[in-house]
Amino acid sequence: MKVHLMHRERDFDTGKEISKMQLALMQDIELEKLLGAMSAGDSFLKEISKIALVSGLASQDEILYRQQVLRDCLRHAAVVREMYEVTLNAVKGEKKVYFGFFSEYPSSILGRAVQVLTLFFETLKKLKSMADNYHQQFESDGFKTLFAMLRQELSSEYLATVQSHLSELKFSHGVLVGARLGEGNTPSGFILHRQRRKKRGLLGNIVSRNRRQFTYTLPDRDMNGAREMSELRDRSINLVANATAVSADHILAFLNMLRTELAFYIGCINLKERLAGFDLPICFPSPVSGQAGIHRCIGLYDASLALELEGKVISNDFTADGKELVIITGANRGGKSTFLRSVGLAQLMMQCGMFVPATSFEACPFNGVYTHFRREEDATMNSGKLDEELSRMSAIAGDIRPESLLLLNESFASTNEREGSEIAKQIIRAVLEHHVRIFFVTHFFEMAGDLYRQKDDRYLFLLAERKADGSRSFKIREGAPLPTSYGEDLYVKIFGNGDRPVTAKKE
């Protein structure tokens, strides 16, 4: 049995290791806060959500398939949560069946397998009942296929047969075994027969008494005989024990996968409810063909920041259709980094089939999302800041593929503007040649101004807004780079208008 709620034709892979660059991405866009809301304190939900977010889907069809399933989950959250709980209880219950866990004896293996299958049997009946009750209410291909499979595979006749077999496998009346005499009159070719417990009636009993029967009863305290009988029993049920254990493992694998794939959608439900509690909008994005170059949004906000502040945050709109390079400049503490994080977060959420924190979002799927954010100097650094920045960029250059998204946040700010601008321009030129889309937050006016003067249609320039009184609106609008980042505003805010030193003309 297959689940296929995450992918149309395959199971969700939880075995992928998260790379160093994916860890850096998570750190830079502050994914931990989003994962905290999705998990609601559950470590398993958090782990599955994390894997899903960093393992983005590459195609429009895959994203739309998962979006359909998620829409069903949001519409029927109570049913999905019940299904998850039913599955979770079965998986937890299996771990509590210790009898025969580490034994190699067939009778012990069989005993445990029967206990586990009895537990799973009740779970499968509940899932079948849910499929019967809700199959007409769910609209996605994923749930329709799952429910159809449950209804077909777990028919009433099949469930009755399984229950009958489980009852027989307990061997409450002993085992009926056939064998032939082998070399040296030793028994061989054991065959386990089904018990015949049909009532024979009076005539049958009379006839039966007339048949020749040979019975041997072990004497009391015959330990060797008892051991021989036990071994004889194990040899006769060995094949049945193995088959039953394999069946239990098969159903366990199905329940584990169902739990795993539902866990992602439970995380999405949790997040949606948290954001709704702050009256924050969400929307299902429109993934478009990569060649279309569409990248636009309305009302995009940083969900991680909103979760941290537990309230509404400033949102932004932008249209970057066909733009390969987006340069964001403007006032210090004007919301540039937050805007950049919101772009990266929305892209990750769209590519794992989630809704995004916006009122409208359209973008093409990228082959990967990479970040290169400025890092504070700390004791773990083995070299200078510029060396560290170049080293991280070198690792990205070795891994990034065409049609990826690269988010740069004040990269190379650890050196002076002239050197930093030159390094940044060379890297931008090289990366653009490989068809990588770039969003670059920078204070390097020399670089931004030079690119702006080129009047290249592939470039878009955004500006963090500063009001006339020096306050920040945290809005990002289209505009030419400015030769200042208004650092003086921060100086005045912190030190006041008193005895100021000489004001720098350019930052």
Protein backbone atom coordinates (compact mmCIF):
# COMPACT_ATOMS: atom_id res chain seq x y z
CA MET A 1 0.00 0.00 0.00
CA LYS A 2 1.26 3.48 -0.89
CA VAL A 3 0.48 6.88 0.58
CA HIS A 4 1.64 9.36 -2.10
CA LEU A 5 0.29 12.48 -0.45
CA MET A 6 3.56 14.34 -0.96
CA HIS A 7 4.37 13.08 -4.44
CA ARG A 8 2.12 11.68 -7.13
CA GLU A 9 4.21 8.60 -7.84
CA ARG A 10 6.67 8.13 -5.00
CA ASP A 11 7.08 8.25 -1.25
CA PHE A 12 8.45 11.23 0.60
CA ASP A 13 12.18 10.78 1.18
CA THR A 14 13.20 11.60 4.75
CA GLY A 15 16.68 10.15 4.40
CA LYS A 16 18.29 13.11 2.69
CA GLU A 17 20.99 14.81 4.70
CA ILE A 18 20.74 18.57 5.00
CA SER A 19 23.81 20.17 3.46
CA LYS A 20 25.89 22.96 4.99
CA MET A 21 24.47 25.43 2.50
CA GLN A 22 20.93 24.43 3.39
CA LEU A 23 21.79 24.95 7.05
CA ALA A 24 23.15 28.39 6.17
CA LEU A 25 19.96 29.12 4.24
CA MET A 26 17.86 28.14 7.26
CA GLN A 27 19.94 30.40 9.48
CA ASP A 28 19.87 33.37 7.12
CA ILE A 29 16.14 33.43 6.51
CA GLU A 30 15.45 32.53 10.16
CA LEU A 31 13.52 29.41 9.30
CA GLU A 32 13.62 28.22 12.91
CA LYS A 33 10.79 30.55 13.89
CA LEU A 34 8.58 29.25 11.12
CA LEU A 35 9.38 25.66 12.06
CA GLY A 36 8.52 26.42 15.67
CA ALA A 37 5.03 27.48 14.63
CA MET A 38 4.61 24.47 12.36
CA SER A 39 5.72 21.97 14.95
CA ALA A 40 3.83 23.43 17.93
CA GLY A 41 6.46 21.80 20.14
CA ASP A 42 6.42 18.40 18.39
CA SER A 43 9.94 17.39 17.36
CA PHE A 44 8.72 14.97 14.68
CA LEU A 45 6.54 17.60 13.00
CA LYS A 46 9.49 19.98 13.09
CA GLU A 47 11.89 17.53 11.51
CA ILE A 48 9.53 16.57 8.70
CA SER A 49 8.61 20.20 8.03
CA LYS A 50 12.28 21.14 7.89
CA ILE A 51 13.09 18.40 5.38
CA ALA A 52 10.12 19.36 3.22
CA LEU A 53 11.03 23.05 3.22
CA VAL A 54 14.65 22.60 2.21
CA SER A 55 13.85 19.84 -0.32
CA GLY A 56 11.93 22.03 -2.71
CA LEU A 57 9.94 20.71 -5.63
CA ALA A 58 11.34 21.51 -9.04
CA SER A 59 8.30 21.39 -11.29
CA GLN A 60 5.03 23.25 -11.57
CA ASP A 61 3.03 19.99 -11.65
CA GLU A 62 4.57 18.69 -8.42
CA ILE A 63 3.87 21.95 -6.60
CA LEU A 64 0.26 22.07 -7.77
CA TYR A 65 -0.26 18.42 -6.77
CA ARG A 66 0.88 19.12 -3.20
CA GLN A 67 -1.08 22.37 -3.08
CA GLN A 68 -4.25 20.40 -3.88
CA VAL A 69 -3.59 18.03 -0.99
CA LEU A 70 -2.86 20.93 1.35
CA ARG A 71 -6.09 22.68 0.36
CA ASP A 72 -7.97 19.52 1.35
CA CYS A 73 -6.08 19.42 4.65
CA LEU A 74 -6.97 23.03 5.45
CA ARG A 75 -10.63 22.42 4.57
CA HIS A 76 -10.81 19.23 6.66
CA ALA A 77 -8.26 19.90 9.38
CA ALA A 78 -10.14 17.89 12.02
CA VAL A 79 -10.30 14.79 9.81
CA VAL A 80 -6.61 15.01 8.91
CA ARG A 81 -5.63 15.46 12.54
CA GLU A 82 -7.74 12.44 13.51
CA MET A 83 -6.12 10.38 10.78
CA TYR A 84 -2.70 11.45 12.01
CA GLU A 85 -3.56 10.55 15.61
CA VAL A 86 -4.89 7.13 14.61
CA THR A 87 -1.68 6.41 12.71
CA LEU A 88 0.53 7.81 15.44
CA ASN A 89 -1.12 5.65 18.10
CA ALA A 90 -0.54 2.54 16.00
CA VAL A 91 3.13 3.35 15.46
CA LYS A 92 3.62 4.08 19.15
CA GLY A 93 1.69 0.96 20.12
CA GLU A 94 3.94 -1.24 17.99
CA LYS A 95 7.00 -0.08 19.92
CA LYS A 96 5.40 -1.22 23.17
CA VAL A 97 5.04 -4.82 22.00
CA TYR A 98 8.33 -6.10 23.38
CA PHE A 99 7.56 -9.81 23.41
CA GLY A 100 9.68 -11.45 20.74
CA PHE A 101 11.41 -8.18 19.82
CA PHE A 102 14.92 -9.60 19.97
CA SER A 103 14.12 -13.30 19.87
CA GLU A 104 15.13 -15.61 17.07
CA TYR A 105 12.66 -18.36 17.97
CA PRO A 106 9.80 -18.70 15.47
CA SER A 107 7.18 -19.03 18.20
CA SER A 108 8.32 -15.72 19.76
CA ILE A 109 8.50 -13.98 16.39
CA LEU A 110 5.06 -15.25 15.49
CA GLY A 111 3.61 -14.24 18.85
CA ARG A 112 4.85 -10.66 18.50
CA ALA A 113 3.79 -10.41 14.86
CA VAL A 114 0.27 -11.54 15.73
CA GLN A 115 0.06 -8.98 18.54
CA VAL A 116 1.28 -6.22 16.23
CA LEU A 117 -1.04 -7.25 13.41
CA THR A 118 -3.97 -7.32 15.81
CA LEU A 119 -3.13 -3.74 16.78
CA PHE A 120 -2.69 -2.69 13.15
CA PHE A 121 -5.88 -4.47 12.19
CA GLU A 122 -7.89 -2.09 14.37
CA THR A 123 -6.00 0.88 12.90
CA LEU A 124 -6.69 -0.24 9.34
CA LYS A 125 -10.37 -0.64 10.16
CA LYS A 126 -10.45 2.96 11.43
CA LEU A 127 -8.68 4.23 8.33
CA LYS A 128 -11.05 2.27 6.12
CA SER A 129 -14.00 3.74 7.99
CA MET A 130 -12.62 7.27 7.51
CA ALA A 131 -12.09 6.60 3.81
CA ASP A 132 -15.71 5.41 3.52
CA ASN A 133 -17.02 8.46 5.35
CA TYR A 134 -14.94 11.21 3.74
CA HIS A 135 -13.89 10.05 0.28
CA GLN A 136 -16.50 12.25 -1.40
CA GLN A 137 -15.54 15.36 0.54
CA PHE A 138 -11.84 15.40 -0.39
CA GLU A 139 -11.07 16.75 -3.85
CA SER A 140 -7.32 16.37 -4.35
CA ASP A 141 -5.83 13.60 -6.44
CA GLY A 142 -3.64 12.59 -3.50
CA PHE A 143 -6.47 11.97 -1.05
CA LYS A 144 -8.76 10.49 -3.68
CA THR A 145 -6.10 7.94 -4.58
CA LEU A 146 -5.35 7.17 -0.93
CA PHE A 147 -9.00 6.73 0.00
CA ALA A 148 -9.70 4.63 -3.09
CA MET A 149 -6.78 2.38 -2.23
CA LEU A 150 -7.93 1.96 1.38
CA ARG A 151 -11.47 1.13 0.30
CA GLN A 152 -10.33 -1.34 -2.32
CA GLU A 153 -7.54 -3.05 -0.40
CA LEU A 154 -9.42 -3.20 2.90
CA SER A 155 -12.75 -4.59 1.79
CA SER A 156 -15.10 -6.16 4.35
CA GLU A 157 -14.30 -9.64 3.04
CA TYR A 158 -10.59 -9.01 3.32
CA LEU A 159 -10.85 -7.67 6.86
CA ALA A 160 -12.96 -10.69 7.91
CA THR A 161 -10.36 -13.03 6.42
CA VAL A 162 -7.52 -11.25 8.22
CA GLN A 163 -9.38 -11.44 11.52
CA SER A 164 -9.95 -15.16 11.03
CA HIS A 165 -6.27 -15.77 10.22
CA LEU A 166 -5.11 -13.79 13.23
CA SER A 167 -7.37 -15.85 15.44
CA GLU A 168 -5.97 -19.09 13.98
CA LEU A 169 -2.36 -17.91 14.29
CA LYS A 170 -2.70 -17.72 18.04
CA PHE A 171 -2.83 -21.56 17.96
CA SER A 172 -5.06 -21.72 21.00
CA HIS A 173 -5.68 -25.44 20.31
CA GLY A 174 -2.09 -26.34 19.46
CA VAL A 175 -0.61 -26.88 16.03
CA LEU A 176 -1.51 -29.55 13.51
CA VAL A 177 1.62 -30.63 11.68
CA GLY A 178 2.25 -33.13 8.92
CA ALA A 179 5.66 -34.76 8.35
CA ARG A 180 7.25 -37.76 6.74
CA LEU A 181 9.91 -40.08 8.00
CA GLY A 182 13.30 -39.30 6.65
CA GLU A 183 16.67 -40.94 6.96
CA GLY A 184 17.06 -42.81 10.24
CA ASN A 185 13.32 -42.43 10.84
CA THR A 186 13.77 -38.81 11.69
CA PRO A 187 10.85 -36.53 10.82
CA SER A 188 11.29 -34.20 7.86
CA GLY A 189 9.24 -32.11 5.44
CA PHE A 190 7.11 -30.46 8.09
CA ILE A 191 3.84 -28.99 6.88
CA LEU A 192 1.62 -26.87 9.05
CA HIS A 193 -2.04 -27.78 8.53
CA ARG A 194 -5.05 -25.61 9.23
CA GLN A 195 -7.09 -26.60 12.24
CA ARG A 196 -10.36 -28.32 11.48
CA ARG A 197 -12.79 -27.51 14.20
CA LYS A 198 -16.01 -28.39 12.42
CA LYS A 199 -18.51 -30.26 14.53
CA ARG A 200 -18.79 -33.85 13.32
CA GLY A 201 -21.99 -34.78 15.13
CA LEU A 202 -22.73 -38.05 16.87
CA LEU A 203 -22.21 -40.27 13.81
CA GLY A 204 -18.97 -38.55 12.99
CA ASN A 205 -17.68 -39.08 16.48
CA ILE A 206 -18.56 -42.78 16.36
CA VAL A 207 -16.76 -43.16 13.02
CA SER A 208 -13.82 -41.20 14.33
CA ARG A 209 -13.45 -43.46 17.34
CA ASN A 210 -13.07 -46.42 15.03
CA ARG A 211 -10.08 -44.90 13.19
CA ARG A 212 -6.65 -46.00 14.24
CA GLN A 213 -4.89 -43.27 16.09
CA PHE A 214 -1.50 -43.18 17.75
CA THR A 215 -1.03 -40.86 20.63
CA TYR A 216 2.06 -40.15 22.66
CA THR A 217 1.90 -38.22 25.88
CA LEU A 218 5.05 -36.80 27.37
CA PRO A 219 5.73 -38.09 30.85
CA ASP A 220 5.87 -35.58 33.61
CA ARG A 221 9.25 -33.93 34.12
CA ASP A 222 10.47 -35.10 30.71
CA MET A 223 12.45 -31.95 30.04
CA ASN A 224 14.25 -33.31 27.00
CA GLY A 225 10.99 -34.42 25.46
CA ALA A 226 9.43 -31.03 26.11
CA ARG A 227 12.41 -29.34 24.48
CA GLU A 228 12.15 -31.64 21.47
CA MET A 229 8.45 -30.87 21.13
CA SER A 230 9.14 -27.16 21.35
CA GLU A 231 11.77 -27.41 18.62
CA LEU A 232 9.38 -29.49 16.55
CA ARG A 233 6.74 -26.79 16.92
CA ASP A 234 9.18 -24.03 15.96
CA ARG A 235 10.30 -25.89 12.87
CA SER A 236 6.72 -26.39 11.77
CA ILE A 237 5.66 -22.76 12.19
CA ASN A 238 8.88 -21.19 10.93
CA LEU A 239 7.54 -20.24 7.51
CA VAL A 240 4.30 -18.91 8.97
CA ALA A 241 6.20 -16.86 11.54
CA ASN A 242 8.37 -15.28 8.87
CA ALA A 243 5.42 -14.52 6.61
CA THR A 244 3.46 -12.98 9.48
CA ALA A 245 6.42 -10.86 10.57
CA VAL A 246 6.90 -9.63 7.00
CA SER A 247 3.22 -8.71 6.85
CA ALA A 248 3.51 -6.76 10.09
CA ASP A 249 6.58 -4.93 8.77
CA HIS A 250 4.78 -4.10 5.53
CA ILE A 251 1.83 -2.55 7.31
CA LEU A 252 4.14 -0.75 9.73
CA ALA A 253 6.01 0.78 6.79
CA PHE A 254 2.72 2.00 5.34
CA LEU A 255 1.60 3.50 8.65
CA ASN A 256 4.99 5.14 9.19
CA MET A 257 4.87 6.73 5.76
CA LEU A 258 1.29 7.86 6.27
CA ARG A 259 2.27 9.42 9.58
CA THR A 260 5.32 11.07 8.00
CA GLU A 261 3.48 12.58 5.06
CA LEU A 262 0.55 13.72 7.18
CA ALA A 263 3.03 15.34 9.59
CA PHE A 264 3.98 17.91 6.97
CA TYR A 265 0.35 18.87 6.41
CA ILE A 266 -0.32 19.00 10.15
CA GLY A 267 2.58 21.47 10.36
CA CYS A 268 1.00 23.57 7.60
CA ILE A 269 -2.34 23.56 9.44
CA ASN A 270 -0.61 24.67 12.64
CA LEU A 271 1.15 27.52 10.84
CA LYS A 272 -1.99 28.66 9.06
CA GLU A 273 -3.86 28.80 12.36
CA ARG A 274 -1.04 30.77 14.02
CA LEU A 275 -0.96 33.34 11.22
CA ALA A 276 -4.75 33.56 11.16
CA GLY A 277 -4.64 34.30 14.88
CA PHE A 278 -2.70 37.48 14.05
CA ASP A 279 -5.07 38.27 11.18
CA LEU A 280 -2.27 37.83 8.66
CA PRO A 281 -3.14 36.87 5.07
CA ILE A 282 -1.89 33.83 3.22
CA CYS A 283 -2.37 32.74 -0.37
CA PHE A 284 -1.59 29.80 -2.55
CA PRO A 285 1.11 30.94 -4.98
CA SER A 286 0.99 30.41 -8.71
CA PRO A 287 4.05 28.52 -9.88
CA VAL A 288 4.82 29.30 -13.49
CA SER A 289 7.18 27.94 -16.07
CA GLY A 290 10.79 28.86 -15.41
CA GLN A 291 11.21 30.23 -18.89
CA ALA A 292 8.42 32.75 -18.33
CA GLY A 293 10.63 34.63 -15.88
CA ILE A 294 7.66 35.80 -13.84
CA HIS A 295 8.42 36.91 -10.29
CA ARG A 296 5.86 39.17 -8.65
CA CYS A 297 3.97 39.51 -5.41
CA ILE A 298 1.51 41.68 -3.52
CA GLY A 299 1.46 42.03 0.23
CA LEU A 300 4.54 39.89 0.84
CA TYR A 301 5.68 39.87 4.48
CA ASP A 302 8.23 38.06 6.61
CA ALA A 303 6.26 35.31 8.37
CA SER A 304 9.13 34.57 10.77
CA LEU A 305 9.20 38.20 11.89
CA ALA A 306 5.42 38.23 12.29
CA LEU A 307 5.60 35.10 14.44
CA GLU A 308 8.34 36.64 16.56
CA LEU A 309 6.43 39.90 17.04
CA GLU A 310 3.11 38.05 17.28
CA GLY A 311 1.37 40.58 15.11
CA LYS A 312 1.18 42.28 11.77
CA VAL A 313 4.31 43.46 10.00
CA ILE A 314 4.91 45.68 7.01
CA SER A 315 4.31 44.01 3.67
CA ASN A 316 5.73 44.82 0.26
CA ASP A 317 4.88 44.45 -3.41
CA PHE A 318 7.29 43.99 -6.27
CA THR A 319 7.31 42.94 -9.89
CA ALA A 320 10.55 41.50 -11.16
CA ASP A 321 9.33 39.73 -14.29
CA GLY A 322 12.24 38.92 -16.53
CA LYS A 323 14.71 40.57 -14.15
CA GLU A 324 17.86 38.60 -13.49
CA LEU A 325 19.36 41.03 -10.97
CA VAL A 326 17.49 42.94 -8.26
CA ILE A 327 19.57 45.48 -6.34
CA ILE A 328 18.09 46.73 -3.07
CA THR A 329 19.61 49.83 -1.55
CA GLY A 330 18.41 52.65 0.67
CA ALA A 331 18.16 53.70 4.27
CA ASN A 332 19.85 51.81 7.04
CA ARG A 333 17.37 49.82 9.09
CA GLY A 334 14.80 50.44 6.42
CA GLY A 335 13.63 46.84 6.07
CA LYS A 336 15.97 45.65 3.30
CA SER A 337 17.13 42.50 5.08
CA THR A 338 13.60 41.68 6.20
CA PHE A 339 12.42 42.09 2.62
CA LEU A 340 15.18 39.80 1.38
CA ARG A 341 14.27 37.14 3.97
CA SER A 342 10.62 37.37 2.95
CA VAL A 343 11.57 36.73 -0.69
CA GLY A 344 13.61 33.66 0.23
CA LEU A 345 11.05 32.32 2.66
CA ALA A 346 8.17 32.70 0.21
CA GLN A 347 10.16 30.91 -2.47
CA LEU A 348 10.91 27.98 -0.15
CA MET A 349 7.29 27.77 0.97
CA MET A 350 5.99 27.83 -2.60
CA GLN A 351 8.42 25.15 -3.74
CA CYS A 352 7.40 22.75 -1.01
CA GLY A 353 3.74 23.15 -1.94
CA MET A 354 2.76 25.45 0.91
CA PHE A 355 0.81 28.67 0.98
CA VAL A 356 2.93 31.82 1.23
CA PRO A 357 2.69 34.88 3.51
CA ALA A 358 1.27 37.28 0.93
CA THR A 359 -1.98 38.18 -0.76
CA SER A 360 -0.64 37.23 -4.17
CA PHE A 361 2.56 35.51 -5.29
CA GLU A 362 3.70 34.28 -8.69
CA ALA A 363 7.14 32.90 -9.40
CA CYS A 364 8.95 30.21 -11.28
CA PRO A 365 10.43 27.27 -9.37
CA PHE A 366 14.20 27.51 -8.99
CA ASN A 367 16.69 24.67 -8.92
CA GLY A 368 17.83 25.83 -5.52
CA VAL A 369 17.81 28.79 -3.15
CA TYR A 370 21.18 30.00 -1.85
CA THR A 371 22.01 32.73 0.64
CA HIS A 372 25.14 34.70 1.34
CA PHE A 373 24.41 36.95 4.31
CA ARG A 374 26.78 39.06 6.30
CA ARG A 375 27.89 37.28 9.46
CA GLU A 376 29.01 38.78 12.68
CA GLU A 377 32.58 38.00 13.61
CA ASP A 378 32.85 35.33 16.26
CA ALA A 379 35.40 33.11 17.92
CA THR A 380 34.65 30.18 15.61
CA MET A 381 36.05 31.96 12.59
CA ASN A 382 39.42 30.66 11.53
CA SER A 383 40.26 33.65 9.35
CA GLY A 384 39.36 37.26 8.70
CA LYS A 385 35.84 38.26 7.76
CA LEU A 386 36.61 38.84 4.10
CA ASP A 387 38.34 35.46 3.87
CA GLU A 388 35.32 33.88 5.49
CA GLU A 389 32.93 35.61 3.08
CA LEU A 390 34.95 34.60 0.04
CA SER A 391 35.19 31.03 1.32
CA ARG A 392 31.42 30.79 1.66
CA MET A 393 30.93 32.29 -1.78
CA SER A 394 33.40 29.80 -3.24
CA ALA A 395 31.38 26.93 -1.76
CA ILE A 396 28.19 28.38 -3.26
CA ALA A 397 29.87 28.79 -6.65
CA GLY A 398 30.85 25.14 -6.57
CA ASP A 399 27.33 23.97 -5.85
CA ILE A 400 24.93 26.41 -7.49
CA ARG A 401 23.23 25.40 -10.72
CA PRO A 402 21.62 27.40 -13.51
CA GLU A 403 18.08 28.59 -12.81
CA SER A 404 18.78 28.99 -9.09
CA LEU A 405 18.04 31.92 -6.80
CA LEU A 406 20.88 33.64 -4.93
CA LEU A 407 20.16 36.07 -2.08
CA LEU A 408 23.05 38.34 -1.11
CA ASN A 409 22.81 40.48 2.00
CA GLU A 410 25.56 43.07 2.39
CA SER A 411 28.09 40.61 1.06
CA PHE A 412 31.73 41.74 1.12
CA ALA A 413 30.90 44.66 3.39
CA SER A 414 33.84 43.56 5.50
CA THR A 415 36.21 45.36 3.16
CA ASN A 416 36.22 48.91 1.82
CA GLU A 417 33.69 50.01 -0.78
CA ARG A 418 36.12 50.06 -3.69
CA GLU A 419 37.34 46.52 -3.14
CA GLY A 420 33.94 45.20 -2.11
CA SER A 421 32.27 46.73 -5.17
CA GLU A 422 34.81 45.21 -7.52
CA ILE A 423 34.51 41.76 -5.95
CA ALA A 424 30.72 41.95 -6.01
CA LYS A 425 30.58 43.07 -9.66
CA GLN A 426 32.81 40.22 -10.79
CA ILE A 427 30.76 37.68 -8.89
CA ILE A 428 27.49 39.12 -10.21
CA ARG A 429 28.81 38.98 -13.76
CA ALA A 430 29.93 35.36 -13.40
CA VAL A 431 26.74 34.20 -11.74
CA LEU A 432 24.45 35.93 -14.23
CA GLU A 433 26.27 34.21 -17.08
CA HIS A 434 25.02 30.94 -15.58
CA HIS A 435 21.40 32.16 -15.48
CA VAL A 436 21.13 32.53 -11.72
CA ARG A 437 18.66 35.11 -10.43
CA ILE A 438 20.12 37.46 -7.82
CA PHE A 439 18.59 39.64 -5.11
CA PHE A 440 21.36 41.78 -3.64
CA VAL A 441 21.01 44.05 -0.60
CA THR A 442 23.99 46.40 -0.57
CA HIS A 443 25.33 49.72 0.62
CA PHE A 444 27.94 49.79 -2.15
CA PHE A 445 26.79 52.85 -4.09
CA GLU A 446 29.77 52.61 -6.42
CA MET A 447 28.64 49.19 -7.57
CA ALA A 448 24.89 49.91 -7.53
CA GLY A 449 25.33 53.26 -9.31
CA ASP A 450 27.53 51.72 -11.99
CA LEU A 451 24.98 48.96 -12.66
CA TYR A 452 22.15 51.48 -12.71
CA ARG A 453 23.89 53.61 -15.31
CA GLN A 454 24.14 50.60 -17.61
CA LYS A 455 20.33 50.79 -18.18
CA ASP A 456 20.16 47.03 -18.59
CA ASP A 457 16.58 45.73 -18.87
CA ARG A 458 17.54 42.67 -16.87
CA TYR A 459 18.23 44.77 -13.77
CA LEU A 460 15.72 46.09 -11.25
CA PHE A 461 16.55 48.61 -8.54
CA LEU A 462 14.58 48.79 -5.32
CA LEU A 463 14.94 51.29 -2.53
CA ALA A 464 14.13 51.16 1.19
CA GLU A 465 11.88 54.15 1.77
CA ARG A 466 12.85 56.98 4.10
CA LYS A 467 10.33 59.64 5.00
CA ALA A 468 11.11 63.32 4.99
CA ASP A 469 11.39 63.38 8.78
CA GLY A 470 13.99 60.62 8.69
CA SER A 471 11.67 57.87 9.91
CA ARG A 472 11.41 54.54 8.09
CA SER A 473 8.24 53.18 6.54
CA PHE A 474 9.91 49.78 5.96
CA LYS A 475 8.45 49.85 2.47
CA ILE A 476 10.58 48.74 -0.46
CA ARG A 477 9.86 50.64 -3.63
CA GLU A 478 11.39 50.88 -7.09
CA GLY A 479 14.02 53.60 -7.27
CA ALA A 480 17.54 54.54 -8.27
CA PRO A 481 20.37 53.86 -5.82
CA LEU A 482 21.25 56.74 -3.53
CA PRO A 483 24.78 57.76 -2.51
CA THR A 484 23.77 57.58 1.14
CA SER A 485 22.18 55.06 3.45
CA TYR A 486 21.14 57.77 5.89
CA GLY A 487 23.37 56.51 8.63
CA GLU A 488 23.18 60.00 10.07
CA ASP A 489 19.57 59.33 11.05
CA LEU A 490 20.71 56.47 13.27
CA TYR A 491 23.45 58.62 14.73
CA VAL A 492 20.95 61.29 15.70
CA LYS A 493 18.55 58.70 17.04
CA ILE A 494 21.19 57.17 19.28
CA PHE A 495 23.34 60.18 20.23
CA GLY A 496 20.87 63.02 19.69
CA ASN A 497 21.42 66.34 17.93
CA GLY A 498 23.98 67.59 20.42
CA ASP A 499 27.68 67.84 19.83
CA ARG A 500 27.98 65.86 16.67
CA PRO A 501 31.27 65.17 14.97
CA VAL A 502 31.73 66.05 11.33
CA THR A 503 28.98 64.47 9.22
CA ALA A 504 30.14 62.04 6.64
CA LYS A 505 29.11 63.00 3.13
CA LYS A 506 28.88 59.45 1.87
CA GLU A 507 28.57 56.14 3.67
